[in-house]
Amino acid sequence: MTTSNPKKRFSMIREFQLADWFTLGNAVCGTGAIFSMMTYLQTPDVVHIYFASVLVLAAVVFDFLDGRIARWRHKSSLLGKELDSLADVISFGVAPAIIGYGCGLQGLYDRIILAFFVACGVSRLARYNVTAEALSEGADKVKYFEGTPIPTSLVLVLVLALAASSGALDENLWFGKVTILGFTLHPIAFMFAISGSLMISRIHVPKP
């Protein structure tokens, strides 16, 4: 029977760059936001929605810093690129959708729209990964995004946090609800559909 080498066991950790730890911070914040909304669904205390919103905001900060640190240190890797995409899916795709669900977007059509939003975010990141080299045109970094960046979903989270602060949750969501073929749709869910559609669009957004 062979035994594993402790040095090999931790080799992946040694491969992490400083920027990668900030990327993991992004993922941890997104996961924390999901946990906060799960707690809200168990004990409907609106403070947990605020916690979730602040954690998504913190994830945006980590996402901003990891790229800056990688360029400052001139150290980037394929591992870091993959980490960044996976963290973004959690923090800016799944977490906002869960926050929307927790705030009251629980009708069948709402859930379809939320799933569409997450699928658009995943597709947006995949497209960026495979086209980043072409979009950079030989430069050190990409000059523009195709489609809106997935962290723009922070806007959706802030809208829901504002709604929560005014008591517009569940049955009191802004714009009310409609019933189509026996299933519920909250019109405010369309902001997720618009955000997702913009992410997979071909519009050019300058990268700072």
N, C-alpha and C. Protein backbone atom coordinates (compact mmCIF):
# COMPACT_ATOMS: atom_id res chain seq x y z
N MET A 1 0.85 -1.19 0.00
CA MET A 1 0.00 0.00 0.00
C MET A 1 0.89 1.23 0.00
N THR A 2 0.54 2.18 -0.85
CA THR A 2 1.35 3.40 -0.94
C THR A 2 0.77 4.47 -0.05
N THR A 3 1.61 5.33 0.46
CA THR A 3 1.18 6.45 1.30
C THR A 3 1.41 7.73 0.53
N SER A 4 0.52 8.66 0.74
CA SER A 4 0.64 9.94 0.02
C SER A 4 1.74 10.77 0.63
N ASN A 5 2.37 11.54 -0.21
CA ASN A 5 3.44 12.43 0.22
C ASN A 5 2.84 13.73 0.73
N PRO A 6 3.08 14.12 2.01
CA PRO A 6 2.50 15.35 2.56
C PRO A 6 2.87 16.57 1.72
N LYS A 7 4.06 16.57 1.14
CA LYS A 7 4.48 17.72 0.34
C LYS A 7 3.61 17.87 -0.89
N LYS A 8 3.26 16.73 -1.51
CA LYS A 8 2.41 16.77 -2.69
C LYS A 8 0.99 17.18 -2.32
N ARG A 9 0.59 16.79 -1.13
CA ARG A 9 -0.78 17.06 -0.69
C ARG A 9 -1.05 18.56 -0.68
N PHE A 10 -0.05 19.35 -0.32
CA PHE A 10 -0.24 20.78 -0.20
C PHE A 10 0.36 21.55 -1.37
N SER A 11 0.69 20.84 -2.45
CA SER A 11 1.34 21.51 -3.57
C SER A 11 0.44 22.54 -4.22
N MET A 12 -0.89 22.28 -4.27
CA MET A 12 -1.78 23.23 -4.90
C MET A 12 -1.81 24.54 -4.12
N ILE A 13 -1.79 24.47 -2.79
CA ILE A 13 -1.78 25.68 -1.97
C ILE A 13 -0.56 26.52 -2.28
N ARG A 14 0.58 25.88 -2.50
CA ARG A 14 1.81 26.61 -2.79
C ARG A 14 1.73 27.29 -4.15
N GLU A 15 0.89 26.78 -5.04
CA GLU A 15 0.75 27.39 -6.35
C GLU A 15 -0.11 28.65 -6.33
N PHE A 16 -0.83 28.89 -5.25
CA PHE A 16 -1.68 30.07 -5.17
C PHE A 16 -0.83 31.34 -5.14
N GLN A 17 -1.25 32.32 -5.93
CA GLN A 17 -0.65 33.65 -5.87
C GLN A 17 -1.46 34.50 -4.90
N LEU A 18 -0.94 35.65 -4.54
CA LEU A 18 -1.64 36.55 -3.61
C LEU A 18 -3.03 36.88 -4.15
N ALA A 19 -3.12 37.15 -5.45
CA ALA A 19 -4.42 37.49 -6.04
C ALA A 19 -5.43 36.36 -5.89
N ASP A 20 -4.95 35.12 -5.91
CA ASP A 20 -5.86 33.98 -5.81
C ASP A 20 -6.56 33.94 -4.45
N TRP A 21 -5.89 34.39 -3.42
CA TRP A 21 -6.52 34.41 -2.10
C TRP A 21 -7.65 35.43 -2.06
N PHE A 22 -7.49 36.54 -2.76
CA PHE A 22 -8.57 37.51 -2.85
C PHE A 22 -9.73 36.94 -3.66
N THR A 23 -9.42 36.14 -4.67
CA THR A 23 -10.47 35.49 -5.44
C THR A 23 -11.26 34.52 -4.56
N LEU A 24 -10.56 33.79 -3.70
CA LEU A 24 -11.24 32.90 -2.76
C LEU A 24 -12.10 33.70 -1.79
N GLY A 25 -11.62 34.89 -1.42
CA GLY A 25 -12.42 35.77 -0.56
C GLY A 25 -13.73 36.12 -1.23
N ASN A 26 -13.68 36.35 -2.54
CA ASN A 26 -14.88 36.59 -3.33
C ASN A 26 -15.85 35.42 -3.19
N ALA A 27 -15.36 34.20 -3.39
CA ALA A 27 -16.21 33.01 -3.31
C ALA A 27 -16.79 32.82 -1.91
N VAL A 28 -15.98 33.08 -0.89
CA VAL A 28 -16.45 32.93 0.49
C VAL A 28 -17.57 33.93 0.79
N CYS A 29 -17.43 35.15 0.30
CA CYS A 29 -18.47 36.16 0.51
C CYS A 29 -19.77 35.75 -0.18
N GLY A 30 -19.65 35.24 -1.40
CA GLY A 30 -20.84 34.79 -2.11
C GLY A 30 -21.54 33.65 -1.40
N THR A 31 -20.75 32.72 -0.89
CA THR A 31 -21.32 31.60 -0.14
C THR A 31 -21.98 32.09 1.14
N GLY A 32 -21.34 33.03 1.79
CA GLY A 32 -21.92 33.61 3.00
C GLY A 32 -23.25 34.30 2.72
N ALA A 33 -23.35 34.96 1.56
CA ALA A 33 -24.60 35.61 1.19
C ALA A 33 -25.72 34.58 1.03
N ILE A 34 -25.40 33.44 0.43
CA ILE A 34 -26.39 32.37 0.28
C ILE A 34 -26.83 31.85 1.64
N PHE A 35 -25.87 31.63 2.54
CA PHE A 35 -26.20 31.17 3.88
C PHE A 35 -27.11 32.17 4.61
N SER A 36 -26.81 33.47 4.43
CA SER A 36 -27.62 34.51 5.08
C SER A 36 -29.07 34.44 4.62
N MET A 37 -29.27 34.22 3.31
CA MET A 37 -30.64 34.13 2.80
C MET A 37 -31.33 32.86 3.27
N MET A 38 -30.59 31.79 3.43
CA MET A 38 -31.17 30.56 3.98
C MET A 38 -31.63 30.80 5.42
N THR A 39 -30.84 31.56 6.16
CA THR A 39 -31.22 31.89 7.53
C THR A 39 -32.46 32.76 7.54
N TYR A 40 -32.54 33.71 6.58
CA TYR A 40 -33.72 34.56 6.49
C TYR A 40 -34.98 33.74 6.25
N LEU A 41 -34.88 32.73 5.40
CA LEU A 41 -36.05 31.89 5.11
C LEU A 41 -36.48 31.07 6.32
N GLN A 42 -35.54 30.80 7.23
CA GLN A 42 -35.86 30.05 8.44
C GLN A 42 -36.40 30.97 9.53
N THR A 43 -35.78 32.11 9.69
CA THR A 43 -36.18 33.09 10.71
C THR A 43 -36.31 34.44 10.03
N PRO A 44 -37.48 34.77 9.52
CA PRO A 44 -37.65 35.96 8.68
C PRO A 44 -37.31 37.28 9.37
N ASP A 45 -36.03 37.45 9.63
CA ASP A 45 -35.51 38.71 10.16
C ASP A 45 -34.81 39.42 9.02
N VAL A 46 -35.30 40.59 8.65
CA VAL A 46 -34.82 41.27 7.45
C VAL A 46 -33.34 41.60 7.52
N VAL A 47 -32.76 41.60 8.69
CA VAL A 47 -31.33 41.91 8.82
C VAL A 47 -30.48 40.93 8.02
N HIS A 48 -30.96 39.70 7.84
CA HIS A 48 -30.19 38.71 7.09
C HIS A 48 -30.13 39.06 5.60
N ILE A 49 -31.14 39.75 5.10
CA ILE A 49 -31.10 40.23 3.71
C ILE A 49 -30.02 41.29 3.59
N TYR A 50 -29.92 42.15 4.59
CA TYR A 50 -28.87 43.18 4.57
C TYR A 50 -27.49 42.54 4.64
N PHE A 51 -27.35 41.51 5.49
CA PHE A 51 -26.07 40.80 5.57
C PHE A 51 -25.70 40.23 4.20
N ALA A 52 -26.67 39.59 3.55
CA ALA A 52 -26.42 38.99 2.24
C ALA A 52 -26.00 40.04 1.23
N SER A 53 -26.66 41.18 1.26
CA SER A 53 -26.35 42.26 0.31
C SER A 53 -24.95 42.82 0.54
N VAL A 54 -24.59 42.99 1.80
CA VAL A 54 -23.26 43.51 2.13
C VAL A 54 -22.18 42.51 1.70
N LEU A 55 -22.47 41.23 1.84
CA LEU A 55 -21.49 40.21 1.44
C LEU A 55 -21.29 40.19 -0.07
N VAL A 56 -22.35 40.41 -0.84
CA VAL A 56 -22.19 40.51 -2.29
C VAL A 56 -21.37 41.75 -2.64
N LEU A 57 -21.60 42.85 -1.94
CA LEU A 57 -20.79 44.05 -2.14
C LEU A 57 -19.33 43.77 -1.82
N ALA A 58 -19.07 43.05 -0.73
CA ALA A 58 -17.70 42.68 -0.37
C ALA A 58 -17.08 41.81 -1.44
N ALA A 59 -17.88 40.91 -2.04
CA ALA A 59 -17.38 40.06 -3.12
C ALA A 59 -16.94 40.90 -4.31
N VAL A 60 -17.68 41.97 -4.61
CA VAL A 60 -17.30 42.88 -5.69
C VAL A 60 -15.94 43.51 -5.40
N VAL A 61 -15.72 43.89 -4.14
CA VAL A 61 -14.44 44.50 -3.75
C VAL A 61 -13.31 43.49 -3.94
N PHE A 62 -13.51 42.27 -3.48
CA PHE A 62 -12.48 41.23 -3.66
C PHE A 62 -12.23 40.98 -5.15
N ASP A 63 -13.30 40.96 -5.94
CA ASP A 63 -13.16 40.72 -7.37
C ASP A 63 -12.38 41.84 -8.04
N PHE A 64 -12.61 43.06 -7.60
CA PHE A 64 -11.86 44.20 -8.13
C PHE A 64 -10.39 44.12 -7.75
N LEU A 65 -10.13 43.76 -6.50
CA LEU A 65 -8.75 43.75 -6.01
C LEU A 65 -7.92 42.62 -6.60
N ASP A 66 -8.52 41.45 -6.83
CA ASP A 66 -7.69 40.34 -7.30
C ASP A 66 -7.06 40.64 -8.67
N GLY A 67 -7.82 41.29 -9.55
CA GLY A 67 -7.26 41.65 -10.85
C GLY A 67 -6.18 42.70 -10.74
N ARG A 68 -6.42 43.68 -9.87
CA ARG A 68 -5.42 44.75 -9.69
C ARG A 68 -4.13 44.19 -9.11
N ILE A 69 -4.27 43.28 -8.14
CA ILE A 69 -3.08 42.70 -7.50
C ILE A 69 -2.31 41.84 -8.50
N ALA A 70 -3.02 41.08 -9.32
CA ALA A 70 -2.35 40.22 -10.31
C ALA A 70 -1.55 41.07 -11.29
N ARG A 71 -2.11 42.18 -11.72
CA ARG A 71 -1.37 43.05 -12.66
C ARG A 71 -0.23 43.78 -11.96
N TRP A 72 -0.45 44.17 -10.70
CA TRP A 72 0.59 44.86 -9.95
C TRP A 72 1.81 43.96 -9.73
N ARG A 73 1.55 42.69 -9.42
CA ARG A 73 2.63 41.74 -9.17
C ARG A 73 3.11 41.03 -10.44
N HIS A 74 2.41 41.30 -11.55
CA HIS A 74 2.74 40.65 -12.83
C HIS A 74 2.73 39.13 -12.70
N LYS A 75 1.74 38.65 -11.92
CA LYS A 75 1.64 37.20 -11.71
C LYS A 75 0.18 36.78 -11.91
N SER A 76 -0.05 36.07 -12.97
CA SER A 76 -1.38 35.52 -13.22
C SER A 76 -1.20 34.10 -13.74
N SER A 77 -2.24 33.29 -13.62
CA SER A 77 -2.12 31.90 -14.03
C SER A 77 -3.47 31.39 -14.52
N LEU A 78 -3.43 30.26 -15.20
CA LEU A 78 -4.67 29.63 -15.64
C LEU A 78 -5.51 29.23 -14.44
N LEU A 79 -4.85 28.80 -13.36
CA LEU A 79 -5.55 28.46 -12.13
C LEU A 79 -6.32 29.66 -11.61
N GLY A 80 -5.67 30.81 -11.59
CA GLY A 80 -6.32 32.03 -11.11
C GLY A 80 -7.50 32.42 -11.97
N LYS A 81 -7.38 32.22 -13.28
CA LYS A 81 -8.46 32.53 -14.21
C LYS A 81 -9.68 31.66 -13.94
N GLU A 82 -9.44 30.37 -13.72
CA GLU A 82 -10.54 29.45 -13.44
C GLU A 82 -11.16 29.75 -12.07
N LEU A 83 -10.33 30.04 -11.09
CA LEU A 83 -10.84 30.39 -9.77
C LEU A 83 -11.75 31.61 -9.85
N ASP A 84 -11.32 32.60 -10.63
CA ASP A 84 -12.09 33.84 -10.75
C ASP A 84 -13.48 33.57 -11.32
N SER A 85 -13.54 32.76 -12.37
CA SER A 85 -14.83 32.47 -13.00
C SER A 85 -15.75 31.71 -12.05
N LEU A 86 -15.20 30.73 -11.35
CA LEU A 86 -16.02 29.93 -10.43
C LEU A 86 -16.53 30.78 -9.27
N ALA A 87 -15.66 31.65 -8.76
CA ALA A 87 -16.07 32.54 -7.67
C ALA A 87 -17.16 33.50 -8.14
N ASP A 88 -17.02 34.02 -9.35
CA ASP A 88 -18.02 34.95 -9.88
C ASP A 88 -19.37 34.29 -10.07
N VAL A 89 -19.38 33.03 -10.49
CA VAL A 89 -20.65 32.31 -10.64
C VAL A 89 -21.38 32.24 -9.30
N ILE A 90 -20.63 31.97 -8.23
CA ILE A 90 -21.24 31.88 -6.91
C ILE A 90 -21.74 33.24 -6.44
N SER A 91 -20.86 34.23 -6.47
CA SER A 91 -21.16 35.53 -5.85
C SER A 91 -22.09 36.41 -6.66
N PHE A 92 -22.00 36.35 -7.98
CA PHE A 92 -22.75 37.28 -8.82
C PHE A 92 -23.78 36.60 -9.70
N GLY A 93 -23.84 35.26 -9.61
CA GLY A 93 -24.86 34.52 -10.35
C GLY A 93 -25.83 33.85 -9.39
N VAL A 94 -25.32 32.87 -8.65
CA VAL A 94 -26.18 32.10 -7.75
C VAL A 94 -26.67 32.94 -6.57
N ALA A 95 -25.77 33.68 -5.92
CA ALA A 95 -26.16 34.44 -4.72
C ALA A 95 -27.26 35.47 -5.02
N PRO A 96 -27.14 36.31 -6.07
CA PRO A 96 -28.25 37.23 -6.35
C PRO A 96 -29.56 36.52 -6.65
N ALA A 97 -29.49 35.37 -7.34
CA ALA A 97 -30.71 34.62 -7.63
C ALA A 97 -31.34 34.11 -6.33
N ILE A 98 -30.53 33.63 -5.41
CA ILE A 98 -31.04 33.15 -4.12
C ILE A 98 -31.61 34.31 -3.32
N ILE A 99 -30.97 35.47 -3.38
CA ILE A 99 -31.50 36.65 -2.69
C ILE A 99 -32.86 37.03 -3.27
N GLY A 100 -32.97 36.99 -4.61
CA GLY A 100 -34.25 37.27 -5.24
C GLY A 100 -35.32 36.29 -4.80
N TYR A 101 -34.98 35.01 -4.78
CA TYR A 101 -35.93 33.98 -4.34
C TYR A 101 -36.35 34.22 -2.90
N GLY A 102 -35.38 34.49 -2.04
CA GLY A 102 -35.68 34.70 -0.63
C GLY A 102 -36.55 35.93 -0.40
N CYS A 103 -36.41 36.94 -1.25
CA CYS A 103 -37.20 38.16 -1.09
C CYS A 103 -38.63 38.00 -1.60
N GLY A 104 -38.91 36.89 -2.26
CA GLY A 104 -40.29 36.65 -2.67
C GLY A 104 -40.51 36.21 -4.10
N LEU A 105 -39.44 36.13 -4.88
CA LEU A 105 -39.59 35.69 -6.27
C LEU A 105 -39.66 34.17 -6.32
N GLN A 106 -40.77 33.64 -5.87
CA GLN A 106 -40.89 32.20 -5.69
C GLN A 106 -41.95 31.56 -6.58
N GLY A 107 -42.58 32.35 -7.46
CA GLY A 107 -43.53 31.78 -8.40
C GLY A 107 -42.81 30.97 -9.47
N LEU A 108 -43.55 30.16 -10.19
CA LEU A 108 -42.93 29.32 -11.22
C LEU A 108 -42.19 30.16 -12.25
N TYR A 109 -42.83 31.21 -12.74
CA TYR A 109 -42.18 32.06 -13.76
C TYR A 109 -41.00 32.81 -13.17
N ASP A 110 -41.11 33.20 -11.90
CA ASP A 110 -39.99 33.85 -11.22
C ASP A 110 -38.77 32.93 -11.22
N ARG A 111 -39.01 31.67 -10.87
CA ARG A 111 -37.90 30.70 -10.78
C ARG A 111 -37.29 30.43 -12.16
N ILE A 112 -38.12 30.43 -13.18
CA ILE A 112 -37.59 30.24 -14.53
C ILE A 112 -36.69 31.42 -14.91
N ILE A 113 -37.13 32.62 -14.57
CA ILE A 113 -36.33 33.81 -14.87
C ILE A 113 -35.02 33.79 -14.08
N LEU A 114 -35.08 33.41 -12.82
CA LEU A 114 -33.86 33.36 -12.00
C LEU A 114 -32.89 32.32 -12.54
N ALA A 115 -33.41 31.17 -12.98
CA ALA A 115 -32.54 30.15 -13.58
C ALA A 115 -31.94 30.66 -14.89
N PHE A 116 -32.73 31.38 -15.67
CA PHE A 116 -32.23 31.99 -16.91
C PHE A 116 -31.10 32.96 -16.60
N PHE A 117 -31.27 33.76 -15.56
CA PHE A 117 -30.24 34.73 -15.16
C PHE A 117 -28.92 34.03 -14.82
N VAL A 118 -29.00 32.96 -14.02
CA VAL A 118 -27.78 32.22 -13.66
C VAL A 118 -27.14 31.61 -14.90
N ALA A 119 -27.97 31.03 -15.79
CA ALA A 119 -27.44 30.44 -17.02
C ALA A 119 -26.74 31.48 -17.88
N CYS A 120 -27.29 32.67 -17.93
CA CYS A 120 -26.66 33.75 -18.70
C CYS A 120 -25.31 34.14 -18.08
N GLY A 121 -25.27 34.19 -16.75
CA GLY A 121 -24.01 34.51 -16.09
C GLY A 121 -22.94 33.49 -16.36
N VAL A 122 -23.30 32.21 -16.29
CA VAL A 122 -22.34 31.14 -16.58
C VAL A 122 -21.87 31.24 -18.03
N SER A 123 -22.80 31.47 -18.94
CA SER A 123 -22.46 31.58 -20.36
C SER A 123 -21.56 32.78 -20.62
N ARG A 124 -21.85 33.87 -19.95
CA ARG A 124 -21.05 35.09 -20.10
C ARG A 124 -19.61 34.84 -19.69
N LEU A 125 -19.41 34.18 -18.58
CA LEU A 125 -18.06 33.90 -18.09
C LEU A 125 -17.33 32.92 -19.01
N ALA A 126 -18.04 31.90 -19.49
CA ALA A 126 -17.43 30.94 -20.40
C ALA A 126 -16.98 31.63 -21.68
N ARG A 127 -17.83 32.51 -22.22
CA ARG A 127 -17.47 33.21 -23.45
C ARG A 127 -16.25 34.10 -23.23
N TYR A 128 -16.23 34.76 -22.09
CA TYR A 128 -15.08 35.63 -21.79
C TYR A 128 -13.80 34.81 -21.73
N ASN A 129 -13.85 33.66 -21.09
CA ASN A 129 -12.65 32.84 -20.94
C ASN A 129 -12.08 32.39 -22.28
N VAL A 130 -12.96 32.06 -23.22
CA VAL A 130 -12.47 31.55 -24.50
C VAL A 130 -12.15 32.66 -25.50
N THR A 131 -12.59 33.89 -25.21
CA THR A 131 -12.32 34.98 -26.15
C THR A 131 -11.38 36.05 -25.59
N ALA A 132 -10.94 35.88 -24.34
CA ALA A 132 -10.12 36.91 -23.70
C ALA A 132 -8.86 37.23 -24.49
N GLU A 133 -8.20 36.21 -25.00
CA GLU A 133 -6.96 36.44 -25.75
C GLU A 133 -7.22 37.24 -27.01
N ALA A 134 -8.29 36.92 -27.70
CA ALA A 134 -8.62 37.65 -28.93
C ALA A 134 -9.01 39.09 -28.62
N LEU A 135 -9.76 39.30 -27.53
CA LEU A 135 -10.21 40.63 -27.18
C LEU A 135 -9.07 41.52 -26.72
N SER A 136 -7.99 40.91 -26.19
CA SER A 136 -6.86 41.71 -25.72
C SER A 136 -6.04 42.27 -26.87
N GLU A 137 -6.15 41.69 -28.05
CA GLU A 137 -5.45 42.16 -29.26
C GLU A 137 -3.95 42.28 -29.02
N GLY A 138 -3.40 41.30 -28.32
CA GLY A 138 -1.96 41.27 -28.08
C GLY A 138 -1.49 42.10 -26.91
N ALA A 139 -2.40 42.83 -26.26
CA ALA A 139 -2.02 43.65 -25.11
C ALA A 139 -1.99 42.79 -23.85
N ASP A 140 -1.62 43.41 -22.73
CA ASP A 140 -1.51 42.66 -21.48
C ASP A 140 -2.87 42.33 -20.88
N LYS A 141 -3.88 43.13 -21.22
CA LYS A 141 -5.19 42.87 -20.65
C LYS A 141 -6.27 43.14 -21.69
N VAL A 142 -7.45 42.61 -21.42
CA VAL A 142 -8.59 42.80 -22.30
C VAL A 142 -8.99 44.27 -22.30
N LYS A 143 -9.27 44.80 -23.49
CA LYS A 143 -9.61 46.23 -23.61
C LYS A 143 -11.09 46.50 -23.35
N TYR A 144 -11.94 45.52 -23.60
CA TYR A 144 -13.37 45.72 -23.37
C TYR A 144 -14.05 44.37 -23.12
N PHE A 145 -15.21 44.45 -22.50
CA PHE A 145 -16.03 43.27 -22.28
C PHE A 145 -17.05 43.15 -23.40
N GLU A 146 -17.40 41.94 -23.76
CA GLU A 146 -18.56 41.71 -24.63
C GLU A 146 -19.71 41.32 -23.72
N GLY A 147 -20.70 42.18 -23.64
CA GLY A 147 -21.78 41.99 -22.68
C GLY A 147 -21.40 42.60 -21.34
N THR A 148 -22.39 42.91 -20.55
CA THR A 148 -22.09 43.52 -19.25
C THR A 148 -21.42 42.51 -18.32
N PRO A 149 -20.44 42.95 -17.53
CA PRO A 149 -19.76 42.04 -16.59
C PRO A 149 -20.74 41.49 -15.56
N ILE A 150 -20.53 40.27 -15.14
CA ILE A 150 -21.45 39.63 -14.20
C ILE A 150 -21.51 40.34 -12.84
N PRO A 151 -20.44 41.04 -12.36
CA PRO A 151 -20.58 41.74 -11.08
C PRO A 151 -21.62 42.86 -11.10
N THR A 152 -22.10 43.26 -12.29
CA THR A 152 -23.16 44.28 -12.34
C THR A 152 -24.44 43.78 -11.69
N SER A 153 -24.52 42.48 -11.40
CA SER A 153 -25.69 41.96 -10.69
C SER A 153 -25.80 42.55 -9.28
N LEU A 154 -24.74 43.22 -8.83
CA LEU A 154 -24.81 43.93 -7.55
C LEU A 154 -25.97 44.91 -7.56
N VAL A 155 -26.26 45.52 -8.71
CA VAL A 155 -27.37 46.47 -8.82
C VAL A 155 -28.69 45.80 -8.43
N LEU A 156 -28.89 44.57 -8.89
CA LEU A 156 -30.12 43.83 -8.55
C LEU A 156 -30.21 43.62 -7.04
N VAL A 157 -29.08 43.26 -6.45
CA VAL A 157 -29.03 43.01 -5.01
C VAL A 157 -29.36 44.28 -4.23
N LEU A 158 -28.82 45.41 -4.68
CA LEU A 158 -29.09 46.67 -3.99
C LEU A 158 -30.55 47.08 -4.12
N VAL A 159 -31.16 46.82 -5.28
CA VAL A 159 -32.58 47.11 -5.45
C VAL A 159 -33.41 46.28 -4.47
N LEU A 160 -33.07 45.00 -4.32
CA LEU A 160 -33.80 44.14 -3.40
C LEU A 160 -33.56 44.55 -1.95
N ALA A 161 -32.36 45.00 -1.64
CA ALA A 161 -32.08 45.48 -0.28
C ALA A 161 -32.91 46.73 0.01
N LEU A 162 -33.04 47.60 -0.98
CA LEU A 162 -33.87 48.80 -0.82
C LEU A 162 -35.33 48.41 -0.63
N ALA A 163 -35.77 47.42 -1.40
CA ALA A 163 -37.14 46.93 -1.24
C ALA A 163 -37.35 46.38 0.17
N ALA A 164 -36.37 45.64 0.65
CA ALA A 164 -36.47 45.06 2.00
C ALA A 164 -36.56 46.15 3.05
N SER A 165 -35.80 47.22 2.85
CA SER A 165 -35.80 48.31 3.84
C SER A 165 -37.15 49.03 3.90
N SER A 166 -37.94 48.94 2.83
CA SER A 166 -39.26 49.59 2.80
C SER A 166 -40.38 48.58 3.04
N GLY A 167 -40.01 47.34 3.39
CA GLY A 167 -41.01 46.32 3.69
C GLY A 167 -41.63 45.68 2.46
N ALA A 168 -41.05 45.94 1.27
CA ALA A 168 -41.60 45.39 0.03
C ALA A 168 -41.03 44.01 -0.24
N LEU A 169 -41.49 43.03 0.53
CA LEU A 169 -41.02 41.66 0.40
C LEU A 169 -42.22 40.71 0.27
N ASP A 170 -41.94 39.54 -0.29
CA ASP A 170 -42.95 38.50 -0.41
C ASP A 170 -44.22 39.04 -1.10
N GLU A 171 -45.35 39.03 -0.43
CA GLU A 171 -46.60 39.48 -1.04
C GLU A 171 -46.63 40.98 -1.31
N ASN A 172 -45.70 41.71 -0.72
CA ASN A 172 -45.67 43.16 -0.86
C ASN A 172 -44.61 43.65 -1.84
N LEU A 173 -44.05 42.75 -2.63
CA LEU A 173 -43.02 43.14 -3.60
C LEU A 173 -43.52 44.26 -4.51
N TRP A 174 -42.60 45.14 -4.88
CA TRP A 174 -42.95 46.22 -5.80
C TRP A 174 -43.55 45.66 -7.09
N PHE A 175 -44.53 46.36 -7.63
CA PHE A 175 -45.22 46.00 -8.89
C PHE A 175 -46.14 44.79 -8.76
N GLY A 176 -46.27 44.29 -7.54
CA GLY A 176 -47.25 43.24 -7.31
C GLY A 176 -46.94 41.93 -8.01
N LYS A 177 -48.01 41.22 -8.36
CA LYS A 177 -47.85 39.93 -9.03
C LYS A 177 -49.00 39.70 -10.00
N VAL A 178 -48.79 38.83 -10.95
CA VAL A 178 -49.84 38.45 -11.89
C VAL A 178 -49.89 36.93 -11.94
N THR A 179 -51.05 36.41 -12.30
CA THR A 179 -51.21 34.96 -12.42
C THR A 179 -51.48 34.62 -13.88
N ILE A 180 -50.65 33.75 -14.42
CA ILE A 180 -50.78 33.33 -15.82
C ILE A 180 -50.89 31.81 -15.85
N LEU A 181 -52.01 31.33 -16.37
CA LEU A 181 -52.25 29.87 -16.45
C LEU A 181 -52.09 29.19 -15.09
N GLY A 182 -52.48 29.91 -14.07
CA GLY A 182 -52.45 29.35 -12.73
C GLY A 182 -51.13 29.47 -11.99
N PHE A 183 -50.11 30.07 -12.63
CA PHE A 183 -48.80 30.21 -12.00
C PHE A 183 -48.45 31.69 -11.81
N THR A 184 -47.66 31.97 -10.80
CA THR A 184 -47.38 33.33 -10.38
C THR A 184 -46.14 33.92 -11.04
N LEU A 185 -46.25 35.19 -11.38
CA LEU A 185 -45.11 35.97 -11.89
C LEU A 185 -45.10 37.32 -11.19
N HIS A 186 -43.96 37.67 -10.62
CA HIS A 186 -43.76 39.01 -10.07
C HIS A 186 -43.01 39.84 -11.13
N PRO A 187 -43.61 40.90 -11.64
CA PRO A 187 -42.96 41.69 -12.69
C PRO A 187 -41.55 42.17 -12.36
N ILE A 188 -41.26 42.37 -11.07
CA ILE A 188 -39.92 42.83 -10.70
C ILE A 188 -38.85 41.80 -11.07
N ALA A 189 -39.27 40.55 -11.29
CA ALA A 189 -38.31 39.51 -11.69
C ALA A 189 -37.70 39.82 -13.05
N PHE A 190 -38.38 40.64 -13.86
CA PHE A 190 -37.85 40.94 -15.19
C PHE A 190 -36.52 41.69 -15.13
N MET A 191 -36.20 42.31 -13.99
CA MET A 191 -34.89 42.96 -13.91
C MET A 191 -33.78 41.92 -13.98
N PHE A 192 -34.05 40.70 -13.50
CA PHE A 192 -33.08 39.62 -13.63
C PHE A 192 -32.98 39.17 -15.09
N ALA A 193 -34.11 39.13 -15.79
CA ALA A 193 -34.11 38.73 -17.20
C ALA A 193 -33.34 39.75 -18.03
N ILE A 194 -33.52 41.03 -17.74
CA ILE A 194 -32.82 42.09 -18.47
C ILE A 194 -31.33 42.02 -18.20
N SER A 195 -30.96 41.86 -16.91
CA SER A 195 -29.55 41.77 -16.55
C SER A 195 -28.88 40.58 -17.25
N GLY A 196 -29.54 39.43 -17.22
CA GLY A 196 -28.98 38.25 -17.87
C GLY A 196 -28.83 38.45 -19.36
N SER A 197 -29.82 39.04 -19.99
CA SER A 197 -29.78 39.27 -21.44
C SER A 197 -28.64 40.21 -21.82
N LEU A 198 -28.41 41.23 -20.99
CA LEU A 198 -27.31 42.16 -21.26
C LEU A 198 -25.95 41.47 -21.13
N MET A 199 -25.87 40.52 -20.21
CA MET A 199 -24.60 39.81 -20.02
C MET A 199 -24.21 38.99 -21.25
N ILE A 200 -25.20 38.41 -21.93
CA ILE A 200 -24.88 37.57 -23.09
C ILE A 200 -25.01 38.34 -24.40
N SER A 201 -25.23 39.65 -24.31
CA SER A 201 -25.32 40.47 -25.51
C SER A 201 -23.94 40.70 -26.10
N ARG A 202 -23.90 41.36 -27.24
CA ARG A 202 -22.63 41.66 -27.91
C ARG A 202 -22.19 43.12 -27.70
N ILE A 203 -22.85 43.82 -26.82
CA ILE A 203 -22.47 45.21 -26.60
C ILE A 203 -21.06 45.26 -26.00
N HIS A 204 -20.31 46.29 -26.37
CA HIS A 204 -18.94 46.45 -25.88
C HIS A 204 -18.94 47.39 -24.68
N VAL A 205 -18.37 46.91 -23.60
CA VAL A 205 -18.25 47.69 -22.37
C VAL A 205 -16.77 47.88 -22.08
N PRO A 206 -16.25 49.13 -22.13
CA PRO A 206 -14.81 49.35 -21.87
C PRO A 206 -14.40 48.78 -20.52
N LYS A 207 -13.26 48.12 -20.49
CA LYS A 207 -12.76 47.56 -19.24
C LYS A 207 -11.83 48.56 -18.58
N PRO A 208 -12.07 48.92 -17.32
CA PRO A 208 -11.21 49.91 -16.64
C PRO A 208 -9.81 49.38 -16.40
